[in-house]
Amino acid sequence: MNLPIIQENHYDSIEPLYSDQFPVPCDISDDSMLIELWLDQKAQTSRKTYRKIVDEYILFINSLGIEKLKDVGVYNANNYKQALEAHVKENGKSLAPSTISQRINTISSLYTFGKDSGYFSVNPFRLLKKPKFDNKNQHKFLSMKEVDLLLKSLKASSSNKILSNRNYTIGVMLLFTGLRINELLSINWGNFYIDHANNIGVHIKGKGTEWRVVKIRKDLWFHIVQYRRDFGLAYDIDPNNHEPLFVNIHGDRLSYSYVRKLLEQATMNVGIKKKVTPHWFRHTSASLALMNGADINRVKDQFGWKNLLTPSRYLHNLKELDETATDFIPIKI
């Protein structure tokens, strides 16, 4: 069974509460309990995919005669890597290096969690060399011209002006905030608040159990309020209001598939050849912010990244053709 590539979501161990002299008291009784605890730390939208990867891994080690996760050694872990590299899909193609890396990272994450919780003594995947691959995600962003075309397309996406304004507001909010689409669609009206300086913010639940705050610009807030008013929804900030931010004509929370199709159609309508998904807006938002001088630490915090590695890659990709060795070759043609 082949699985879709998802963003890597490693278990990040924090500073241990127990020193080496005082090992973690483990209260995990078996593999099933460990897996459920580990999955509980993951984003709800990704758990199904992670579970499938783990289920396939368990079938593999069972085929080696291994019944328990803790009985897997480095040699067995490498066997799993080799099996992934040798696997041929129904279409006759091998697994992409990024897919292999994703699956190894997923299983390694499970073992790291188990080791940190005292269930495992070692992580047999820690020493494995993962296949290298070109991460092209940071190149998936829209130019300013494409952004302008796409927003105009969303503004005219329905004969119903109220729906068009909602669709436009979705696009603008994705671009201004850089939210993941699942983060955007999970926002409730009560997540918004006003601070002491009259700035508007929204509490965002990110991957796993992580929460962060994202600022809402006043021009974006105007469109949010206008959309809510048009739909007959509450538009005064109320922390006790648990209505979804974005709803359909029946008042139900919008789905990922709806927004994805909306953006695909808007892209096609203006002749953009790129296969734009909601995540392109996140890449575009980060790229535009960094390109226009945003502090890299602020970008990291707003986008919910664990460290500076990801925004640094964006910054590198933005500047990789600015001044290269070829610019210093003194030949005129």
C-alpha atoms as a PDB file:
ATOM      1  CA  MET A   1       0.000   0.000   0.000  1.00  0.00           C
ATOM      2  CA  ASN A   2       1.416   3.353  -1.008  1.00  0.00           C
ATOM      3  CA  LEU A   3       0.906   6.392   1.126  1.00  0.00           C
ATOM      4  CA  PRO A   4       0.797  10.101   0.305  1.00  0.00           C
ATOM      5  CA  ILE A   5       3.746  12.215   1.299  1.00  0.00           C
ATOM      6  CA  ILE A   6       2.951  14.400   4.273  1.00  0.00           C
ATOM      7  CA  GLN A   7       4.978  17.010   6.028  1.00  0.00           C
ATOM      8  CA  GLU A   8       7.446  15.473   8.432  1.00  0.00           C
ATOM      9  CA  ASN A   9       6.259  15.882  11.987  1.00  0.00           C
ATOM     10  CA  HIS A  10       8.999  14.456  14.170  1.00  0.00           C
ATOM     11  CA  TYR A  11       8.519  13.914  17.865  1.00  0.00           C
ATOM     12  CA  ASP A  12      10.654  16.639  19.392  1.00  0.00           C
ATOM     13  CA  SER A  13      11.950  15.603  22.767  1.00  0.00           C
ATOM     14  CA  ILE A  14      12.170  18.405  25.282  1.00  0.00           C
ATOM     15  CA  GLU A  15      14.743  18.743  28.045  1.00  0.00           C
ATOM     16  CA  PRO A  16      14.415  15.525  30.037  1.00  0.00           C
ATOM     17  CA  LEU A  17      12.696  15.699  33.392  1.00  0.00           C
ATOM     18  CA  TYR A  18      14.882  12.857  34.573  1.00  0.00           C
ATOM     19  CA  SER A  19      18.676  12.612  34.508  1.00  0.00           C
ATOM     20  CA  ASP A  20      20.645   9.524  33.514  1.00  0.00           C
ATOM     21  CA  GLN A  21      20.883   8.632  37.181  1.00  0.00           C
ATOM     22  CA  PHE A  22      17.104   8.750  37.509  1.00  0.00           C
ATOM     23  CA  PRO A  23      15.581   6.970  34.479  1.00  0.00           C
ATOM     24  CA  VAL A  24      12.049   7.741  33.312  1.00  0.00           C
ATOM     25  CA  PRO A  25       9.537   5.516  35.116  1.00  0.00           C
ATOM     26  CA  CYS A  26       7.794   3.738  32.229  1.00  0.00           C
ATOM     27  CA  ASP A  27       4.090   3.032  32.608  1.00  0.00           C
ATOM     28  CA  ILE A  28       3.541   1.882  29.008  1.00  0.00           C
ATOM     29  CA  SER A  29       2.492  -1.772  29.016  1.00  0.00           C
ATOM     30  CA  ASP A  30       2.738  -2.801  25.357  1.00  0.00           C
ATOM     31  CA  ASP A  31       3.315  -1.720  21.747  1.00  0.00           C
ATOM     32  CA  SER A  32      -0.331  -0.845  21.146  1.00  0.00           C
ATOM     33  CA  MET A  33      -0.398   1.531  24.103  1.00  0.00           C
ATOM     34  CA  LEU A  34       2.845   3.151  22.952  1.00  0.00           C
ATOM     35  CA  ILE A  35       1.510   3.685  19.425  1.00  0.00           C
ATOM     36  CA  GLU A  36      -1.700   5.267  20.691  1.00  0.00           C
ATOM     37  CA  LEU A  37       0.221   7.637  22.974  1.00  0.00           C
ATOM     38  CA  TRP A  38       2.586   8.556  20.141  1.00  0.00           C
ATOM     39  CA  LEU A  39      -0.276   9.189  17.706  1.00  0.00           C
ATOM     40  CA  ASP A  40      -1.959  11.384  20.296  1.00  0.00           C
ATOM     41  CA  GLN A  41       0.984  13.809  19.993  1.00  0.00           C
ATOM     42  CA  LYS A  42       0.439  14.157  16.246  1.00  0.00           C
ATOM     43  CA  ALA A  43      -1.894  16.469  14.376  1.00  0.00           C
ATOM     44  CA  GLN A  44      -5.301  14.865  14.122  1.00  0.00           C
ATOM     45  CA  THR A  45      -5.359  15.326  10.347  1.00  0.00           C
ATOM     46  CA  SER A  46      -2.133  13.291   9.976  1.00  0.00           C
ATOM     47  CA  ARG A  47      -2.836  10.413  12.360  1.00  0.00           C
ATOM     48  CA  LYS A  48      -4.486   8.174   9.783  1.00  0.00           C
ATOM     49  CA  THR A  49      -1.442   8.328   7.520  1.00  0.00           C
ATOM     50  CA  TYR A  50       0.995   7.759  10.387  1.00  0.00           C
ATOM     51  CA  ARG A  51      -1.017   4.772  11.563  1.00  0.00           C
ATOM     52  CA  LYS A  52      -0.902   3.213   8.081  1.00  0.00           C
ATOM     53  CA  ILE A  53       2.872   3.602   7.946  1.00  0.00           C
ATOM     54  CA  VAL A  54       3.256   1.975  11.363  1.00  0.00           C
ATOM     55  CA  ASP A  55       0.840  -0.848  10.487  1.00  0.00           C
ATOM     56  CA  GLU A  56       2.851  -1.633   7.352  1.00  0.00           C
ATOM     57  CA  TYR A  57       6.075  -1.537   9.366  1.00  0.00           C
ATOM     58  CA  ILE A  58       4.661  -4.002  11.897  1.00  0.00           C
ATOM     59  CA  LEU A  59       3.659  -6.363   9.079  1.00  0.00           C
ATOM     60  CA  PHE A  60       7.219  -6.140   7.758  1.00  0.00           C
ATOM     61  CA  ILE A  61       8.936  -6.980  11.060  1.00  0.00           C
ATOM     62  CA  ASN A  62       6.401  -9.774  11.626  1.00  0.00           C
ATOM     63  CA  SER A  63       7.541 -11.234   8.301  1.00  0.00           C
ATOM     64  CA  LEU A  64      11.038 -11.353   9.815  1.00  0.00           C
ATOM     65  CA  GLY A  65       9.710 -13.302  12.773  1.00  0.00           C
ATOM     66  CA  ILE A  66       9.822 -10.288  15.112  1.00  0.00           C
ATOM     67  CA  GLU A  67       6.708  -9.804  17.257  1.00  0.00           C
ATOM     68  CA  LYS A  68       7.622  -6.804  19.409  1.00  0.00           C
ATOM     69  CA  LEU A  69       8.899  -3.365  18.418  1.00  0.00           C
ATOM     70  CA  LYS A  70      11.589  -3.430  21.112  1.00  0.00           C
ATOM     71  CA  ASP A  71      13.170  -6.543  19.547  1.00  0.00           C
ATOM     72  CA  VAL A  72      14.106  -4.660  16.360  1.00  0.00           C
ATOM     73  CA  GLY A  73      17.819  -3.915  16.009  1.00  0.00           C
ATOM     74  CA  VAL A  74      19.839  -1.747  13.650  1.00  0.00           C
ATOM     75  CA  TYR A  75      20.275  -4.646  11.222  1.00  0.00           C
ATOM     76  CA  ASN A  76      16.488  -5.160  11.072  1.00  0.00           C
ATOM     77  CA  ALA A  77      15.937  -1.428  10.686  1.00  0.00           C
ATOM     78  CA  ASN A  78      18.298  -1.403   7.725  1.00  0.00           C
ATOM     79  CA  ASN A  79      16.383  -4.365   6.272  1.00  0.00           C
ATOM     80  CA  TYR A  80      13.255  -2.199   6.370  1.00  0.00           C
ATOM     81  CA  LYS A  81      15.070   0.609   4.560  1.00  0.00           C
ATOM     82  CA  GLN A  82      16.311  -1.824   1.898  1.00  0.00           C
ATOM     83  CA  ALA A  83      12.803  -3.237   1.458  1.00  0.00           C
ATOM     84  CA  LEU A  84      11.467   0.277   0.841  1.00  0.00           C
ATOM     85  CA  GLU A  85      14.232   0.958  -1.691  1.00  0.00           C
ATOM     86  CA  ALA A  86      13.480  -2.315  -3.506  1.00  0.00           C
ATOM     87  CA  HIS A  87       9.702  -1.889  -3.468  1.00  0.00           C
ATOM     88  CA  VAL A  88       8.021  -1.513  -6.864  1.00  0.00           C
ATOM     89  CA  LYS A  89       4.563   0.045  -7.059  1.00  0.00           C
ATOM     90  CA  GLU A  90       1.713  -1.181  -9.244  1.00  0.00           C
ATOM     91  CA  ASN A  91       2.670   1.349 -11.913  1.00  0.00           C
ATOM     92  CA  GLY A  92       6.127  -0.205 -12.126  1.00  0.00           C
ATOM     93  CA  LYS A  93       7.890   2.711 -10.424  1.00  0.00           C
ATOM     94  CA  SER A  94      10.001   2.590  -7.290  1.00  0.00           C
ATOM     95  CA  LEU A  95       9.239   4.638  -4.190  1.00  0.00           C
ATOM     96  CA  ALA A  96      10.564   8.178  -4.385  1.00  0.00           C
ATOM     97  CA  PRO A  97      13.497   8.985  -2.073  1.00  0.00           C
ATOM     98  CA  SER A  98      11.276  11.528  -0.299  1.00  0.00           C
ATOM     99  CA  THR A  99       8.679   8.816   0.392  1.00  0.00           C
ATOM    100  CA  ILE A 100      11.326   6.454   1.757  1.00  0.00           C
ATOM    101  CA  SER A 101      12.748   9.212   3.928  1.00  0.00           C
ATOM    102  CA  GLN A 102       9.266  10.087   5.180  1.00  0.00           C
ATOM    103  CA  ARG A 103       8.519   6.519   6.244  1.00  0.00           C
ATOM    104  CA  ILE A 104      11.875   6.071   7.965  1.00  0.00           C
ATOM    105  CA  ASN A 105      11.399   9.390   9.774  1.00  0.00           C
ATOM    106  CA  THR A 106       7.941   8.292  10.898  1.00  0.00           C
ATOM    107  CA  ILE A 107       9.138   5.007  12.392  1.00  0.00           C
ATOM    108  CA  SER A 108      12.194   6.717  13.899  1.00  0.00           C
ATOM    109  CA  SER A 109       9.842   9.238  15.495  1.00  0.00           C
ATOM    110  CA  LEU A 110       7.913   6.382  17.124  1.00  0.00           C
ATOM    111  CA  TYR A 111      11.127   4.874  18.528  1.00  0.00           C
ATOM    112  CA  THR A 112      12.369   8.256  19.759  1.00  0.00           C
ATOM    113  CA  PHE A 113       9.102   8.781  21.592  1.00  0.00           C
ATOM    114  CA  GLY A 114       9.368   5.265  23.056  1.00  0.00           C
ATOM    115  CA  LYS A 115      12.979   5.816  24.116  1.00  0.00           C
ATOM    116  CA  ASP A 116      12.198   9.158  25.759  1.00  0.00           C
ATOM    117  CA  SER A 117       9.294   7.568  27.622  1.00  0.00           C
ATOM    118  CA  GLY A 118      11.494   4.714  28.889  1.00  0.00           C
ATOM    119  CA  TYR A 119       9.801   2.008  26.835  1.00  0.00           C
ATOM    120  CA  PHE A 120      12.777   1.443  24.515  1.00  0.00           C
ATOM    121  CA  SER A 121      16.456   1.461  25.415  1.00  0.00           C
ATOM    122  CA  VAL A 122      17.571   2.566  21.927  1.00  0.00           C
ATOM    123  CA  ASN A 123      16.229   3.897  18.641  1.00  0.00           C
ATOM    124  CA  PRO A 124      17.523   1.439  15.991  1.00  0.00           C
ATOM    125  CA  PHE A 125      16.748   3.927  13.193  1.00  0.00           C
ATOM    126  CA  ARG A 126      18.897   6.735  14.575  1.00  0.00           C
ATOM    127  CA  LEU A 127      22.070   5.551  12.817  1.00  0.00           C
ATOM    128  CA  LEU A 128      20.490   4.916   9.417  1.00  0.00           C
ATOM    129  CA  LYS A 129      21.462   7.191   6.564  1.00  0.00           C
ATOM    130  CA  LYS A 130      18.286   8.426   4.918  1.00  0.00           C
ATOM    131  CA  PRO A 131      18.166   8.873   1.131  1.00  0.00           C
ATOM    132  CA  LYS A 132      18.869  12.387  -0.073  1.00  0.00           C
ATOM    133  CA  PHE A 133      16.288  14.170  -2.165  1.00  0.00           C
ATOM    134  CA  ASP A 134      15.645  17.620  -3.515  1.00  0.00           C
ATOM    135  CA  ASN A 135      12.974  19.315  -1.436  1.00  0.00           C
ATOM    136  CA  LYS A 136      11.213  21.470  -4.011  1.00  0.00           C
ATOM    137  CA  ASN A 137       8.494  22.745  -1.691  1.00  0.00           C
ATOM    138  CA  GLN A 138      10.271  26.047  -1.097  1.00  0.00           C
ATOM    139  CA  HIS A 139      10.083  26.734  -4.855  1.00  0.00           C
ATOM    140  CA  LYS A 140       6.304  26.328  -4.850  1.00  0.00           C
ATOM    141  CA  PHE A 141       5.327  29.957  -4.514  1.00  0.00           C
ATOM    142  CA  LEU A 142       3.410  32.463  -6.591  1.00  0.00           C
ATOM    143  CA  SER A 143       4.772  35.634  -8.134  1.00  0.00           C
ATOM    144  CA  MET A 144       3.145  38.954  -7.277  1.00  0.00           C
ATOM    145  CA  LYS A 145       1.490  38.961 -10.711  1.00  0.00           C
ATOM    146  CA  GLU A 146       0.078  35.479 -10.101  1.00  0.00           C
ATOM    147  CA  VAL A 147      -1.131  36.497  -6.635  1.00  0.00           C
ATOM    148  CA  ASP A 148      -2.952  39.466  -8.130  1.00  0.00           C
ATOM    149  CA  LEU A 149      -4.560  37.303 -10.841  1.00  0.00           C
ATOM    150  CA  LEU A 150      -5.581  34.626  -8.370  1.00  0.00           C
ATOM    151  CA  LEU A 151      -7.176  37.053  -5.923  1.00  0.00           C
ATOM    152  CA  LYS A 152      -9.115  38.681  -8.759  1.00  0.00           C
ATOM    153  CA  SER A 153     -10.257  35.231  -9.848  1.00  0.00           C
ATOM    154  CA  LEU A 154     -11.478  34.446  -6.317  1.00  0.00           C
ATOM    155  CA  LYS A 155     -13.278  37.795  -6.227  1.00  0.00           C
ATOM    156  CA  ALA A 156     -15.237  36.681  -9.311  1.00  0.00           C
ATOM    157  CA  SER A 157     -15.503  32.983  -8.404  1.00  0.00           C
ATOM    158  CA  SER A 158     -19.295  32.929  -8.017  1.00  0.00           C
ATOM    159  CA  SER A 159     -22.319  34.690  -9.466  1.00  0.00           C
ATOM    160  CA  ASN A 160     -23.324  35.140  -5.832  1.00  0.00           C
ATOM    161  CA  LYS A 161     -21.383  38.186  -4.610  1.00  0.00           C
ATOM    162  CA  ILE A 162     -21.591  37.054  -0.993  1.00  0.00           C
ATOM    163  CA  LEU A 163     -19.897  33.748  -1.834  1.00  0.00           C
ATOM    164  CA  SER A 164     -17.291  35.484  -3.974  1.00  0.00           C
ATOM    165  CA  ASN A 165     -16.403  37.833  -1.110  1.00  0.00           C
ATOM    166  CA  ARG A 166     -16.032  34.868   1.250  1.00  0.00           C
ATOM    167  CA  ASN A 167     -13.776  33.059  -1.238  1.00  0.00           C
ATOM    168  CA  TYR A 168     -11.674  36.186  -1.692  1.00  0.00           C
ATOM    169  CA  THR A 169     -11.347  36.550   2.089  1.00  0.00           C
ATOM    170  CA  ILE A 170     -10.129  32.946   2.359  1.00  0.00           C
ATOM    171  CA  GLY A 171      -7.415  33.609  -0.230  1.00  0.00           C
ATOM    172  CA  VAL A 172      -6.303  36.862   1.380  1.00  0.00           C
ATOM    173  CA  MET A 173      -6.202  35.310   4.851  1.00  0.00           C
ATOM    174  CA  LEU A 174      -4.065  32.396   3.625  1.00  0.00           C
ATOM    175  CA  LEU A 175      -1.627  34.857   2.039  1.00  0.00           C
ATOM    176  CA  PHE A 176      -1.458  37.304   4.947  1.00  0.00           C
ATOM    177  CA  THR A 177      -1.164  34.733   7.739  1.00  0.00           C
ATOM    178  CA  GLY A 178       0.614  31.782   6.111  1.00  0.00           C
ATOM    179  CA  LEU A 179      -1.674  29.384   7.941  1.00  0.00           C
ATOM    180  CA  ARG A 180      -1.876  25.735   7.001  1.00  0.00           C
ATOM    181  CA  ILE A 181      -5.268  25.098   5.439  1.00  0.00           C
ATOM    182  CA  ASN A 182      -6.346  22.800   8.295  1.00  0.00           C
ATOM    183  CA  GLU A 183      -5.364  25.498  10.779  1.00  0.00           C
ATOM    184  CA  LEU A 184      -7.466  28.050   8.913  1.00  0.00           C
ATOM    185  CA  LEU A 185     -10.520  25.830   8.671  1.00  0.00           C
ATOM    186  CA  SER A 186     -10.377  24.832  12.337  1.00  0.00           C
ATOM    187  CA  ILE A 187     -10.585  28.436  13.582  1.00  0.00           C
ATOM    188  CA  ASN A 188     -13.652  29.307  15.636  1.00  0.00           C
ATOM    189  CA  TRP A 189     -14.918  32.847  16.001  1.00  0.00           C
ATOM    190  CA  GLY A 190     -14.007  32.813  19.685  1.00  0.00           C
ATOM    191  CA  ASN A 191     -10.322  32.359  18.779  1.00  0.00           C
ATOM    192  CA  PHE A 192     -10.058  36.057  17.862  1.00  0.00           C
ATOM    193  CA  TYR A 193      -9.119  38.671  20.453  1.00  0.00           C
ATOM    194  CA  ILE A 194      -7.991  42.310  20.783  1.00  0.00           C
ATOM    195  CA  ASP A 195      -4.861  43.181  22.773  1.00  0.00           C
ATOM    196  CA  HIS A 196      -4.065  46.250  24.887  1.00  0.00           C
ATOM    197  CA  ALA A 197      -2.840  48.177  21.811  1.00  0.00           C
ATOM    198  CA  ASN A 198      -6.005  47.391  19.836  1.00  0.00           C
ATOM    199  CA  ASN A 199      -4.229  44.837  17.659  1.00  0.00           C
ATOM    200  CA  ILE A 200      -6.280  41.860  16.532  1.00  0.00           C
ATOM    201  CA  GLY A 201      -4.913  38.372  16.988  1.00  0.00           C
ATOM    202  CA  VAL A 202      -6.144  34.820  16.579  1.00  0.00           C
ATOM    203  CA  HIS A 203      -5.208  31.733  18.571  1.00  0.00           C
ATOM    204  CA  ILE A 204      -4.110  28.961  16.208  1.00  0.00           C
ATOM    205  CA  LYS A 205      -3.884  25.284  17.078  1.00  0.00           C
ATOM    206  CA  GLY A 206      -0.984  23.935  15.066  1.00  0.00           C
ATOM    207  CA  LYS A 207       0.416  20.452  14.705  1.00  0.00           C
ATOM    208  CA  GLY A 208      -0.182  18.165  17.645  1.00  0.00           C
ATOM    209  CA  THR A 209      -1.053  20.229  20.705  1.00  0.00           C
ATOM    210  CA  GLU A 210       0.949  23.356  19.860  1.00  0.00           C
ATOM    211  CA  TRP A 211      -0.829  26.729  20.044  1.00  0.00           C
ATOM    212  CA  ARG A 212       0.456  30.038  18.705  1.00  0.00           C
ATOM    213  CA  VAL A 213      -0.857  33.540  18.073  1.00  0.00           C
ATOM    214  CA  VAL A 214      -1.063  35.132  14.619  1.00  0.00           C
ATOM    215  CA  LYS A 215      -1.732  38.820  14.028  1.00  0.00           C
ATOM    216  CA  ILE A 216      -4.645  39.854  11.802  1.00  0.00           C
ATOM    217  CA  ARG A 217      -4.028  43.002   9.792  1.00  0.00           C
ATOM    218  CA  LYS A 218      -6.733  45.654   9.926  1.00  0.00           C
ATOM    219  CA  ASP A 219      -7.363  45.484   6.172  1.00  0.00           C
ATOM    220  CA  LEU A 220      -7.874  41.720   6.418  1.00  0.00           C
ATOM    221  CA  TRP A 221     -10.107  42.175   9.462  1.00  0.00           C
ATOM    222  CA  PHE A 222     -12.337  44.481   7.420  1.00  0.00           C
ATOM    223  CA  HIS A 223     -12.981  41.709   4.887  1.00  0.00           C
ATOM    224  CA  ILE A 224     -13.506  39.083   7.604  1.00  0.00           C
ATOM    225  CA  VAL A 225     -16.142  41.238   9.308  1.00  0.00           C
ATOM    226  CA  GLN A 226     -17.782  42.057   5.974  1.00  0.00           C
ATOM    227  CA  TYR A 227     -18.030  38.363   5.067  1.00  0.00           C
ATOM    228  CA  ARG A 228     -19.451  37.468   8.491  1.00  0.00           C
ATOM    229  CA  ARG A 229     -22.009  40.246   8.243  1.00  0.00           C
ATOM    230  CA  ASP A 230     -23.058  39.161   4.748  1.00  0.00           C
ATOM    231  CA  PHE A 231     -23.585  35.583   5.973  1.00  0.00           C
ATOM    232  CA  GLY A 232     -25.652  36.716   8.940  1.00  0.00           C
ATOM    233  CA  LEU A 233     -23.002  35.528  11.392  1.00  0.00           C
ATOM    234  CA  ALA A 234     -21.729  37.192  14.542  1.00  0.00           C
ATOM    235  CA  TYR A 235     -18.965  39.697  13.813  1.00  0.00           C
ATOM    236  CA  ASP A 236     -18.299  41.216  17.242  1.00  0.00           C
ATOM    237  CA  ILE A 237     -15.400  39.525  19.005  1.00  0.00           C
ATOM    238  CA  ASP A 238     -16.700  37.068  21.571  1.00  0.00           C
ATOM    239  CA  PRO A 239     -14.405  34.473  23.220  1.00  0.00           C
ATOM    240  CA  ASN A 240     -17.452  32.325  24.018  1.00  0.00           C
ATOM    241  CA  ASN A 241     -18.593  32.032  20.398  1.00  0.00           C
ATOM    242  CA  HIS A 242     -17.607  28.613  19.035  1.00  0.00           C
ATOM    243  CA  GLU A 243     -18.999  29.047  15.513  1.00  0.00           C
ATOM    244  CA  PRO A 244     -16.596  28.144  12.669  1.00  0.00           C
ATOM    245  CA  LEU A 245     -14.880  31.126  11.069  1.00  0.00           C
ATOM    246  CA  PHE A 246     -15.601  30.009   7.502  1.00  0.00           C
ATOM    247  CA  VAL A 247     -18.868  28.260   6.679  1.00  0.00           C
ATOM    248  CA  ASN A 248     -20.830  27.130   3.618  1.00  0.00           C
ATOM    249  CA  ILE A 249     -24.313  28.310   2.688  1.00  0.00           C
ATOM    250  CA  HIS A 250     -25.776  25.828   5.202  1.00  0.00           C
ATOM    251  CA  GLY A 251     -23.726  27.214   8.072  1.00  0.00           C
ATOM    252  CA  ASP A 252     -21.394  24.193   8.265  1.00  0.00           C
ATOM    253  CA  ARG A 253     -17.621  24.417   8.538  1.00  0.00           C
ATOM    254  CA  LEU A 254     -15.892  24.439   5.138  1.00  0.00           C
ATOM    255  CA  SER A 255     -13.939  21.300   4.204  1.00  0.00           C
ATOM    256  CA  TYR A 256     -10.387  20.988   2.898  1.00  0.00           C
ATOM    257  CA  SER A 257     -11.604  19.412  -0.338  1.00  0.00           C
ATOM    258  CA  TYR A 258     -13.927  22.357  -1.014  1.00  0.00           C
ATOM    259  CA  VAL A 259     -11.179  24.952  -0.561  1.00  0.00           C
ATOM    260  CA  ARG A 260      -8.713  22.926  -2.621  1.00  0.00           C
ATOM    261  CA  LYS A 261     -11.164  22.677  -5.518  1.00  0.00           C
ATOM    262  CA  LEU A 262     -11.986  26.367  -5.153  1.00  0.00           C
ATOM    263  CA  LEU A 263      -8.324  27.341  -5.523  1.00  0.00           C
ATOM    264  CA  GLU A 264      -7.735  24.903  -8.391  1.00  0.00           C
ATOM    265  CA  GLN A 265     -10.657  26.373 -10.323  1.00  0.00           C
ATOM    266  CA  ALA A 266      -9.598  29.952  -9.599  1.00  0.00           C
ATOM    267  CA  THR A 267      -6.096  29.106 -10.852  1.00  0.00           C
ATOM    268  CA  MET A 268      -7.406  27.555 -14.066  1.00  0.00           C
ATOM    269  CA  ASN A 269      -9.727  30.504 -14.712  1.00  0.00           C
ATOM    270  CA  VAL A 270      -6.797  32.921 -15.042  1.00  0.00           C
ATOM    271  CA  GLY A 271      -4.499  30.580 -16.950  1.00  0.00           C
ATOM    272  CA  ILE A 272      -1.926  29.888 -14.243  1.00  0.00           C
ATOM    273  CA  LYS A 273      -0.211  26.653 -15.278  1.00  0.00           C
ATOM    274  CA  LYS A 274       1.093  25.763 -11.820  1.00  0.00           C
ATOM    275  CA  LYS A 275      -0.762  23.077  -9.868  1.00  0.00           C
ATOM    276  CA  VAL A 276      -1.640  25.403  -7.000  1.00  0.00           C
ATOM    277  CA  THR A 277      -2.777  23.841  -3.717  1.00  0.00           C
ATOM    278  CA  PRO A 278      -3.672  25.632  -0.463  1.00  0.00           C
ATOM    279  CA  HIS A 279      -0.117  25.024   0.781  1.00  0.00           C
ATOM    280  CA  TRP A 280       1.261  27.162  -2.050  1.00  0.00           C
ATOM    281  CA  PHE A 281      -0.254  30.141  -0.248  1.00  0.00           C
ATOM    282  CA  ARG A 282       1.801  29.270   2.840  1.00  0.00           C
ATOM    283  CA  HIS A 283       5.008  29.065   0.800  1.00  0.00           C
ATOM    284  CA  THR A 284       4.133  32.317  -0.954  1.00  0.00           C
ATOM    285  CA  SER A 285       3.395  34.083   2.335  1.00  0.00           C
ATOM    286  CA  ALA A 286       6.723  33.044   3.863  1.00  0.00           C
ATOM    287  CA  SER A 287       8.642  33.958   0.716  1.00  0.00           C
ATOM    288  CA  LEU A 288       7.054  37.412   0.406  1.00  0.00           C
ATOM    289  CA  ALA A 289       7.586  38.187   4.085  1.00  0.00           C
ATOM    290  CA  LEU A 290      11.287  37.250   3.972  1.00  0.00           C
ATOM    291  CA  MET A 291      11.833  38.925   0.602  1.00  0.00           C
ATOM    292  CA  ASN A 292      10.512  42.183   2.003  1.00  0.00           C
ATOM    293  CA  GLY A 293      12.675  42.196   5.110  1.00  0.00           C
ATOM    294  CA  ALA A 294      10.680  40.352   7.787  1.00  0.00           C
ATOM    295  CA  ASP A 295      12.795  39.152  10.701  1.00  0.00           C
ATOM    296  CA  ILE A 296      13.437  35.435  10.264  1.00  0.00           C
ATOM    297  CA  ASN A 297      12.624  34.690  13.928  1.00  0.00           C
ATOM    298  CA  ARG A 298       9.242  36.385  13.606  1.00  0.00           C
ATOM    299  CA  VAL A 299       8.522  34.382  10.476  1.00  0.00           C
ATOM    300  CA  LYS A 300       9.445  31.188  12.336  1.00  0.00           C
ATOM    301  CA  ASP A 301       7.098  32.015  15.201  1.00  0.00           C
ATOM    302  CA  GLN A 302       4.153  33.078  13.032  1.00  0.00           C
ATOM    303  CA  PHE A 303       4.375  29.995  10.826  1.00  0.00           C
ATOM    304  CA  GLY A 304       4.717  27.601  13.748  1.00  0.00           C
ATOM    305  CA  TRP A 305       8.103  26.161  12.791  1.00  0.00           C
ATOM    306  CA  LYS A 306      10.203  24.488  15.489  1.00  0.00           C
ATOM    307  CA  ASN A 307      13.515  26.026  14.450  1.00  0.00           C
ATOM    308  CA  LEU A 308      15.143  28.359  11.929  1.00  0.00           C
ATOM    309  CA  LEU A 309      16.028  25.625   9.429  1.00  0.00           C
ATOM    310  CA  THR A 310      12.830  25.883   7.366  1.00  0.00           C
ATOM    311  CA  PRO A 311      12.694  29.701   7.021  1.00  0.00           C
ATOM    312  CA  SER A 312      16.437  29.659   6.308  1.00  0.00           C
ATOM    313  CA  ARG A 313      15.775  27.379   3.341  1.00  0.00           C
ATOM    314  CA  TYR A 314      13.177  29.816   2.020  1.00  0.00           C
ATOM    315  CA  LEU A 315      15.649  32.669   2.387  1.00  0.00           C
ATOM    316  CA  HIS A 316      18.356  30.683   0.622  1.00  0.00           C
ATOM    317  CA  ASN A 317      16.068  29.793  -2.275  1.00  0.00           C
ATOM    318  CA  LEU A 318      15.007  33.411  -2.668  1.00  0.00           C
ATOM    319  CA  LYS A 319      18.613  34.584  -2.930  1.00  0.00           C
ATOM    320  CA  GLU A 320      20.224  31.593  -4.652  1.00  0.00           C
ATOM    321  CA  LEU A 321      20.313  33.336  -8.064  1.00  0.00           C
ATOM    322  CA  ASP A 322      20.982  36.891  -6.834  1.00  0.00           C
ATOM    323  CA  GLU A 323      24.748  36.782  -7.123  1.00  0.00           C
ATOM    324  CA  THR A 324      26.496  33.576  -8.143  1.00  0.00           C
ATOM    325  CA  ALA A 325      29.916  32.585  -9.477  1.00  0.00           C
ATOM    326  CA  THR A 326      28.727  33.010 -13.051  1.00  0.00           C
ATOM    327  CA  ASP A 327      28.230  36.744 -12.453  1.00  0.00           C
ATOM    328  CA  PHE A 328      31.981  37.148 -11.910  1.00  0.00           C
ATOM    329  CA  ILE A 329      33.148  35.572 -15.161  1.00  0.00           C
ATOM    330  CA  PRO A 330      34.723  38.447 -17.182  1.00  0.00           C
ATOM    331  CA  ILE A 331      33.576  37.403 -20.629  1.00  0.00           C
ATOM    332  CA  LYS A 332      31.358  39.538 -22.863  1.00  0.00           C
ATOM    333  CA  ILE A 333      29.262  38.018 -25.629  1.00  0.00           C
END
